[in-house]
């Protein structure tokens, strides 16, 4: 069963999402694929990219907060 975008974002770690994106990328690089299959891969990648983007954004906010705290010491 495929996860919805929300489920993928909530239940998948950055590392899992990034690893899956790398797997798809390698398959695209090493295989001649149809346009239909490429479209399927693009749809599969969207929630993975969203997950990575959200996790990176949250991490950046945490780092910014920590840096601000250090500046105030």
PDB file of N, CA and C in Angstrom:
ATOM      1  N   UNK A   1       0.844  -1.182   0.000  1.00  0.00           N
ATOM      2  CA  UNK A   1       0.000   0.000   0.000  1.00  0.00           C
ATOM      3  C   UNK A   1       0.887   1.243   0.000  1.00  0.00           C
ATOM      4  N   UNK A   2       0.588   2.209  -0.880  1.00  0.00           N
ATOM      5  CA  UNK A   2       1.370   3.434  -0.942  1.00  0.00           C
ATOM      6  C   UNK A   2       0.972   4.383   0.171  1.00  0.00           C
ATOM      7  N   UNK A   3       1.951   5.082   0.691  1.00  0.00           N
ATOM      8  CA  UNK A   3       1.681   6.074   1.728  1.00  0.00           C
ATOM      9  C   UNK A   3       1.205   7.360   1.073  1.00  0.00           C
ATOM     10  N   UNK A   4       0.368   8.096   1.786  1.00  0.00           N
ATOM     11  CA  UNK A   4      -0.003   9.425   1.317  1.00  0.00           C
ATOM     12  C   UNK A   4       1.154  10.356   1.610  1.00  0.00           C
ATOM     13  N   UNK A   5       1.129  11.557   1.038  1.00  0.00           N
ATOM     14  CA  UNK A   5       2.184  12.532   1.295  1.00  0.00           C
ATOM     15  C   UNK A   5       2.339  12.793   2.790  1.00  0.00           C
ATOM     16  N   UNK A   6       1.217  12.931   3.485  1.00  0.00           N
ATOM     17  CA  UNK A   6       1.256  13.216   4.919  1.00  0.00           C
ATOM     18  C   UNK A   6       1.870  12.056   5.690  1.00  0.00           C
ATOM     19  N   UNK A   7       1.495  10.836   5.357  1.00  0.00           N
ATOM     20  CA  UNK A   7       2.057   9.674   6.040  1.00  0.00           C
ATOM     21  C   UNK A   7       3.549   9.567   5.785  1.00  0.00           C
ATOM     22  N   UNK A   8       3.977   9.804   4.570  1.00  0.00           N
ATOM     23  CA  UNK A   8       5.397   9.716   4.251  1.00  0.00           C
ATOM     24  C   UNK A   8       6.176  10.750   5.050  1.00  0.00           C
ATOM     25  N   UNK A   9       5.646  11.954   5.151  1.00  0.00           N
ATOM     26  CA  UNK A   9       6.323  13.016   5.879  1.00  0.00           C
ATOM     27  C   UNK A   9       6.390  12.714   7.367  1.00  0.00           C
ATOM     28  N   UNK A  10       5.320  12.167   7.926  1.00  0.00           N
ATOM     29  CA  UNK A  10       5.240  11.928   9.353  1.00  0.00           C
ATOM     30  C   UNK A  10       6.050  10.710   9.786  1.00  0.00           C
ATOM     31  N   UNK A  11       6.001   9.647   9.008  1.00  0.00           N
ATOM     32  CA  UNK A  11       6.526   8.368   9.455  1.00  0.00           C
ATOM     33  C   UNK A  11       7.886   7.989   8.885  1.00  0.00           C
ATOM     34  N   UNK A  12       8.450   8.792   8.040  1.00  0.00           N
ATOM     35  CA  UNK A  12       9.690   8.443   7.381  1.00  0.00           C
ATOM     36  C   UNK A  12      10.798   9.392   7.819  1.00  0.00           C
ATOM     37  N   UNK A  13      11.948   8.832   8.106  1.00  0.00           N
ATOM     38  CA  UNK A  13      13.064   9.675   8.499  1.00  0.00           C
ATOM     39  C   UNK A  13      13.721  10.292   7.267  1.00  0.00           C
ATOM     40  N   UNK A  14      14.520  11.297   7.511  1.00  0.00           N
ATOM     41  CA  UNK A  14      15.286  11.917   6.434  1.00  0.00           C
ATOM     42  C   UNK A  14      16.154  10.871   5.748  1.00  0.00           C
ATOM     43  N   UNK A  15      16.866  10.077   6.542  1.00  0.00           N
ATOM     44  CA  UNK A  15      17.767   9.081   5.963  1.00  0.00           C
ATOM     45  C   UNK A  15      17.037   8.072   5.096  1.00  0.00           C
ATOM     46  N   UNK A  16      15.873   7.626   5.534  1.00  0.00           N
ATOM     47  CA  UNK A  16      15.088   6.677   4.739  1.00  0.00           C
ATOM     48  C   UNK A  16      14.636   7.315   3.426  1.00  0.00           C
ATOM     49  N   UNK A  17      14.149   8.529   3.512  1.00  0.00           N
ATOM     50  CA  UNK A  17      13.676   9.226   2.313  1.00  0.00           C
ATOM     51  C   UNK A  17      14.818   9.479   1.344  1.00  0.00           C
ATOM     52  N   UNK A  18      15.936   9.941   1.879  1.00  0.00           N
ATOM     53  CA  UNK A  18      17.080  10.245   1.022  1.00  0.00           C
ATOM     54  C   UNK A  18      17.619   8.977   0.361  1.00  0.00           C
ATOM     55  N   UNK A  19      17.667   7.887   1.108  1.00  0.00           N
ATOM     56  CA  UNK A  19      18.138   6.615   0.553  1.00  0.00           C
ATOM     57  C   UNK A  19      17.221   6.149  -0.578  1.00  0.00           C
ATOM     58  N   UNK A  20      15.930   6.321  -0.401  1.00  0.00           N
ATOM     59  CA  UNK A  20      14.988   5.931  -1.448  1.00  0.00           C
ATOM     60  C   UNK A  20      15.151   6.817  -2.682  1.00  0.00           C
ATOM     61  N   UNK A  21      15.374   8.110  -2.472  1.00  0.00           N
ATOM     62  CA  UNK A  21      15.626   9.008  -3.597  1.00  0.00           C
ATOM     63  C   UNK A  21      16.906   8.610  -4.334  1.00  0.00           C
ATOM     64  N   UNK A  22      17.935   8.246  -3.585  1.00  0.00           N
ATOM     65  CA  UNK A  22      19.185   7.789  -4.216  1.00  0.00           C
ATOM     66  C   UNK A  22      18.959   6.516  -5.027  1.00  0.00           C
ATOM     67  N   UNK A  23      18.171   5.596  -4.486  1.00  0.00           N
ATOM     68  CA  UNK A  23      17.871   4.343  -5.199  1.00  0.00           C
ATOM     69  C   UNK A  23      17.162   4.634  -6.521  1.00  0.00           C
ATOM     70  N   UNK A  24      16.166   5.503  -6.457  1.00  0.00           N
ATOM     71  CA  UNK A  24      15.421   5.856  -7.666  1.00  0.00           C
ATOM     72  C   UNK A  24      16.343   6.542  -8.669  1.00  0.00           C
ATOM     73  N   UNK A  25      17.183   7.428  -8.200  1.00  0.00           N
ATOM     74  CA  UNK A  25      18.116   8.137  -9.068  1.00  0.00           C
ATOM     75  C   UNK A  25      19.058   7.157  -9.779  1.00  0.00           C
ATOM     76  N   UNK A  26      19.592   6.197  -9.047  1.00  0.00           N
ATOM     77  CA  UNK A  26      20.483   5.207  -9.655  1.00  0.00           C
ATOM     78  C   UNK A  26      19.749   4.394 -10.711  1.00  0.00           C
ATOM     79  N   UNK A  27      18.513   4.031 -10.413  1.00  0.00           N
ATOM     80  CA  UNK A  27      17.739   3.258 -11.376  1.00  0.00           C
ATOM     81  C   UNK A  27      17.482   4.069 -12.641  1.00  0.00           C
ATOM     82  N   UNK A  28      17.193   5.369 -12.466  1.00  0.00           N
ATOM     83  CA  UNK A  28      16.970   6.232 -13.619  1.00  0.00           C
ATOM     84  C   UNK A  28      18.245   6.401 -14.445  1.00  0.00           C
ATOM     85  N   UNK A  29      19.382   6.468 -13.768  1.00  0.00           N
ATOM     86  CA  UNK A  29      20.659   6.638 -14.464  1.00  0.00           C
ATOM     87  C   UNK A  29      21.071   5.382 -15.219  1.00  0.00           C
ATOM     88  N   UNK A  30      20.742   4.216 -14.688  1.00  0.00           N
ATOM     89  CA  UNK A  30      21.239   2.959 -15.227  1.00  0.00           C
ATOM     90  C   UNK A  30      20.243   2.200 -16.092  1.00  0.00           C
ATOM     91  N   UNK A  31      19.086   2.761 -16.320  1.00  0.00           N
ATOM     92  CA  UNK A  31      18.039   2.037 -17.026  1.00  0.00           C
ATOM     93  C   UNK A  31      17.379   2.949 -18.047  1.00  0.00           C
ATOM     94  N   UNK A  32      17.104   2.393 -19.214  1.00  0.00           N
ATOM     95  CA  UNK A  32      16.268   3.117 -20.162  1.00  0.00           C
ATOM     96  C   UNK A  32      14.832   2.827 -19.771  1.00  0.00           C
ATOM     97  N   UNK A  33      14.080   3.878 -19.467  1.00  0.00           N
ATOM     98  CA  UNK A  33      12.716   3.684 -18.987  1.00  0.00           C
ATOM     99  C   UNK A  33      11.732   4.461 -19.841  1.00  0.00           C
ATOM    100  N   UNK A  34      10.503   4.029 -19.784  1.00  0.00           N
ATOM    101  CA  UNK A  34       9.446   4.695 -20.544  1.00  0.00           C
ATOM    102  C   UNK A  34       9.046   6.001 -19.862  1.00  0.00           C
ATOM    103  N   UNK A  35       8.385   6.836 -20.618  1.00  0.00           N
ATOM    104  CA  UNK A  35       7.877   8.094 -20.069  1.00  0.00           C
ATOM    105  C   UNK A  35       6.872   7.806 -18.962  1.00  0.00           C
ATOM    106  N   UNK A  36       6.050   6.774 -19.139  1.00  0.00           N
ATOM    107  CA  UNK A  36       5.058   6.426 -18.115  1.00  0.00           C
ATOM    108  C   UNK A  36       5.728   6.034 -16.809  1.00  0.00           C
ATOM    109  N   UNK A  37       6.778   5.232 -16.907  1.00  0.00           N
ATOM    110  CA  UNK A  37       7.492   4.825 -15.703  1.00  0.00           C
ATOM    111  C   UNK A  37       8.196   6.015 -15.063  1.00  0.00           C
ATOM    112  N   UNK A  38       8.745   6.898 -15.888  1.00  0.00           N
ATOM    113  CA  UNK A  38       9.388   8.095 -15.355  1.00  0.00           C
ATOM    114  C   UNK A  38       8.373   8.943 -14.592  1.00  0.00           C
ATOM    115  N   UNK A  39       7.151   9.021 -15.119  1.00  0.00           N
ATOM    116  CA  UNK A  39       6.083   9.756 -14.439  1.00  0.00           C
ATOM    117  C   UNK A  39       5.767   9.120 -13.087  1.00  0.00           C
ATOM    118  N   UNK A  40       5.735   7.786 -13.046  1.00  0.00           N
ATOM    119  CA  UNK A  40       5.498   7.082 -11.785  1.00  0.00           C
ATOM    120  C   UNK A  40       6.595   7.386 -10.769  1.00  0.00           C
ATOM    121  N   UNK A  41       7.850   7.398 -11.241  1.00  0.00           N
ATOM    122  CA  UNK A  41       8.968   7.721 -10.339  1.00  0.00           C
ATOM    123  C   UNK A  41       8.838   9.149  -9.807  1.00  0.00           C
ATOM    124  N   UNK A  42       8.456  10.068 -10.678  1.00  0.00           N
ATOM    125  CA  UNK A  42       8.299  11.461 -10.245  1.00  0.00           C
ATOM    126  C   UNK A  42       7.248  11.566  -9.149  1.00  0.00           C
ATOM    127  N   UNK A  43       6.140  10.849  -9.321  1.00  0.00           N
ATOM    128  CA  UNK A  43       5.081  10.854  -8.303  1.00  0.00           C
ATOM    129  C   UNK A  43       5.562  10.221  -7.001  1.00  0.00           C
ATOM    130  N   UNK A  44       6.389   9.202  -7.104  1.00  0.00           N
ATOM    131  CA  UNK A  44       6.932   8.534  -5.923  1.00  0.00           C
ATOM    132  C   UNK A  44       7.924   9.442  -5.188  1.00  0.00           C
ATOM    133  N   UNK A  45       8.647  10.251  -5.948  1.00  0.00           N
ATOM    134  CA  UNK A  45       9.676  11.116  -5.359  1.00  0.00           C
ATOM    135  C   UNK A  45       9.104  12.315  -4.619  1.00  0.00           C
ATOM    136  N   UNK A  46       7.966  12.803  -5.052  1.00  0.00           N
ATOM    137  CA  UNK A  46       7.415  14.026  -4.463  1.00  0.00           C
ATOM    138  C   UNK A  46       7.282  13.967  -2.945  1.00  0.00           C
ATOM    139  N   UNK A  47       6.642  12.949  -2.362  1.00  0.00           N
ATOM    140  CA  UNK A  47       6.553  12.937  -0.894  1.00  0.00           C
ATOM    141  C   UNK A  47       7.918  12.743  -0.226  1.00  0.00           C
ATOM    142  N   UNK A  48       8.831  12.052  -0.907  1.00  0.00           N
ATOM    143  CA  UNK A  48      10.170  11.855  -0.341  1.00  0.00           C
ATOM    144  C   UNK A  48      10.928  13.175  -0.286  1.00  0.00           C
ATOM    145  N   UNK A  49      10.817  13.963  -1.353  1.00  0.00           N
ATOM    146  CA  UNK A  49      11.469  15.277  -1.386  1.00  0.00           C
ATOM    147  C   UNK A  49      10.850  16.188  -0.335  1.00  0.00           C
ATOM    148  N   UNK A  50       9.536  16.128  -0.194  1.00  0.00           N
ATOM    149  CA  UNK A  50       8.868  16.946   0.833  1.00  0.00           C
ATOM    150  C   UNK A  50       9.364  16.583   2.232  1.00  0.00           C
ATOM    151  N   UNK A  51       9.493  15.291   2.483  1.00  0.00           N
ATOM    152  CA  UNK A  51       9.984  14.841   3.783  1.00  0.00           C
ATOM    153  C   UNK A  51      11.378  15.390   4.039  1.00  0.00           C
ATOM    154  N   UNK A  52      12.268  15.252   3.079  1.00  0.00           N
ATOM    155  CA  UNK A  52      13.634  15.744   3.246  1.00  0.00           C
ATOM    156  C   UNK A  52      13.649  17.247   3.469  1.00  0.00           C
ATOM    157  N   UNK A  53      12.873  17.964   2.675  1.00  0.00           N
ATOM    158  CA  UNK A  53      12.819  19.415   2.802  1.00  0.00           C
ATOM    159  C   UNK A  53      12.322  19.836   4.186  1.00  0.00           C
ATOM    160  N   UNK A  54      11.259  19.188   4.661  1.00  0.00           N
ATOM    161  CA  UNK A  54      10.712  19.525   5.977  1.00  0.00           C
ATOM    162  C   UNK A  54      11.696  19.193   7.099  1.00  0.00           C
ATOM    163  N   UNK A  55      12.340  18.025   7.008  1.00  0.00           N
ATOM    164  CA  UNK A  55      13.302  17.635   8.044  1.00  0.00           C
ATOM    165  C   UNK A  55      14.486  18.594   8.058  1.00  0.00           C
ATOM    166  N   UNK A  56      14.969  18.999   6.876  1.00  0.00           N
ATOM    167  CA  UNK A  56      16.082  19.947   6.810  1.00  0.00           C
ATOM    168  C   UNK A  56      15.679  21.314   7.359  1.00  0.00           C
ATOM    169  N   UNK A  57      14.470  21.723   7.059  1.00  0.00           N
ATOM    170  CA  UNK A  57      13.978  23.006   7.563  1.00  0.00           C
ATOM    171  C   UNK A  57      13.891  23.005   9.091  1.00  0.00           C
ATOM    172  N   UNK A  58      13.364  21.918   9.656  1.00  0.00           N
ATOM    173  CA  UNK A  58      13.289  21.812  11.117  1.00  0.00           C
ATOM    174  C   UNK A  58      14.680  21.789  11.744  1.00  0.00           C
ATOM    175  N   UNK A  59      15.590  21.100  11.111  1.00  0.00           N
ATOM    176  CA  UNK A  59      16.960  21.051  11.623  1.00  0.00           C
ATOM    177  C   UNK A  59      17.597  22.428  11.577  1.00  0.00           C
ATOM    178  N   UNK A  60      17.376  23.167  10.479  1.00  0.00           N
ATOM    179  CA  UNK A  60      17.924  24.522  10.357  1.00  0.00           C
ATOM    180  C   UNK A  60      17.372  25.425  11.456  1.00  0.00           C
ATOM    181  N   UNK A  61      16.088  25.295  11.742  1.00  0.00           N
ATOM    182  CA  UNK A  61      15.485  26.099  12.811  1.00  0.00           C
ATOM    183  C   UNK A  61      16.125  25.758  14.158  1.00  0.00           C
ATOM    184  N   UNK A  62      16.355  24.473  14.410  1.00  0.00           N
ATOM    185  CA  UNK A  62      17.000  24.057  15.660  1.00  0.00           C
ATOM    186  C   UNK A  62      18.408  24.627  15.769  1.00  0.00           C
ATOM    187  N   UNK A  63      19.160  24.560  14.686  1.00  0.00           N
ATOM    188  CA  UNK A  63      20.532  25.080  14.684  1.00  0.00           C
ATOM    189  C   UNK A  63      20.519  26.592  14.892  1.00  0.00           C
ATOM    190  N   UNK A  64      19.616  27.287  14.220  1.00  0.00           N
ATOM    191  CA  UNK A  64      19.504  28.735  14.391  1.00  0.00           C
ATOM    192  C   UNK A  64      19.197  29.103  15.842  1.00  0.00           C
ATOM    193  N   UNK A  65      18.300  28.350  16.461  1.00  0.00           N
ATOM    194  CA  UNK A  65      17.948  28.597  17.852  1.00  0.00           C
ATOM    195  C   UNK A  65      19.148  28.375  18.771  1.00  0.00           C
ATOM    196  N   UNK A  66      19.875  27.294  18.540  1.00  0.00           N
ATOM    197  CA  UNK A  66      21.059  27.001  19.338  1.00  0.00           C
ATOM    198  C   UNK A  66      22.125  28.081  19.158  1.00  0.00           C
ATOM    199  N   UNK A  67      22.316  28.515  17.942  1.00  0.00           N
ATOM    200  CA  UNK A  67      23.314  29.562  17.689  1.00  0.00           C
ATOM    201  C   UNK A  67      22.907  30.874  18.384  1.00  0.00           C
ATOM    202  N   UNK A  68      21.632  31.170  18.364  1.00  0.00           N
ATOM    203  CA  UNK A  68      21.144  32.383  19.044  1.00  0.00           C
ATOM    204  C   UNK A  68      21.370  32.284  20.545  1.00  0.00           C
ATOM    205  N   UNK A  69      21.124  31.105  21.110  1.00  0.00           N
ATOM    206  CA  UNK A  69      21.354  30.894  22.531  1.00  0.00           C
ATOM    207  C   UNK A  69      22.836  31.069  22.877  1.00  0.00           C
ATOM    208  N   UNK A  70      23.717  30.559  22.024  1.00  0.00           N
ATOM    209  CA  UNK A  70      25.155  30.704  22.260  1.00  0.00           C
ATOM    210  C   UNK A  70      25.577  32.171  22.193  1.00  0.00           C
ATOM    211  N   UNK A  71      24.991  32.919  21.293  1.00  0.00           N
ATOM    212  CA  UNK A  71      25.324  34.334  21.166  1.00  0.00           C
ATOM    213  C   UNK A  71      24.890  35.125  22.395  1.00  0.00           C
ATOM    214  N   UNK A  72      23.853  34.658  23.078  1.00  0.00           N
ATOM    215  CA  UNK A  72      23.317  35.363  24.236  1.00  0.00           C
ATOM    216  C   UNK A  72      24.002  34.963  25.549  1.00  0.00           C
ATOM    217  N   UNK A  73      24.911  34.025  25.471  1.00  0.00           N
ATOM    218  CA  UNK A  73      25.589  33.604  26.716  1.00  0.00           C
ATOM    219  C   UNK A  73      26.658  34.596  27.120  1.00  0.00           C
TER     220      UNK A  73
END
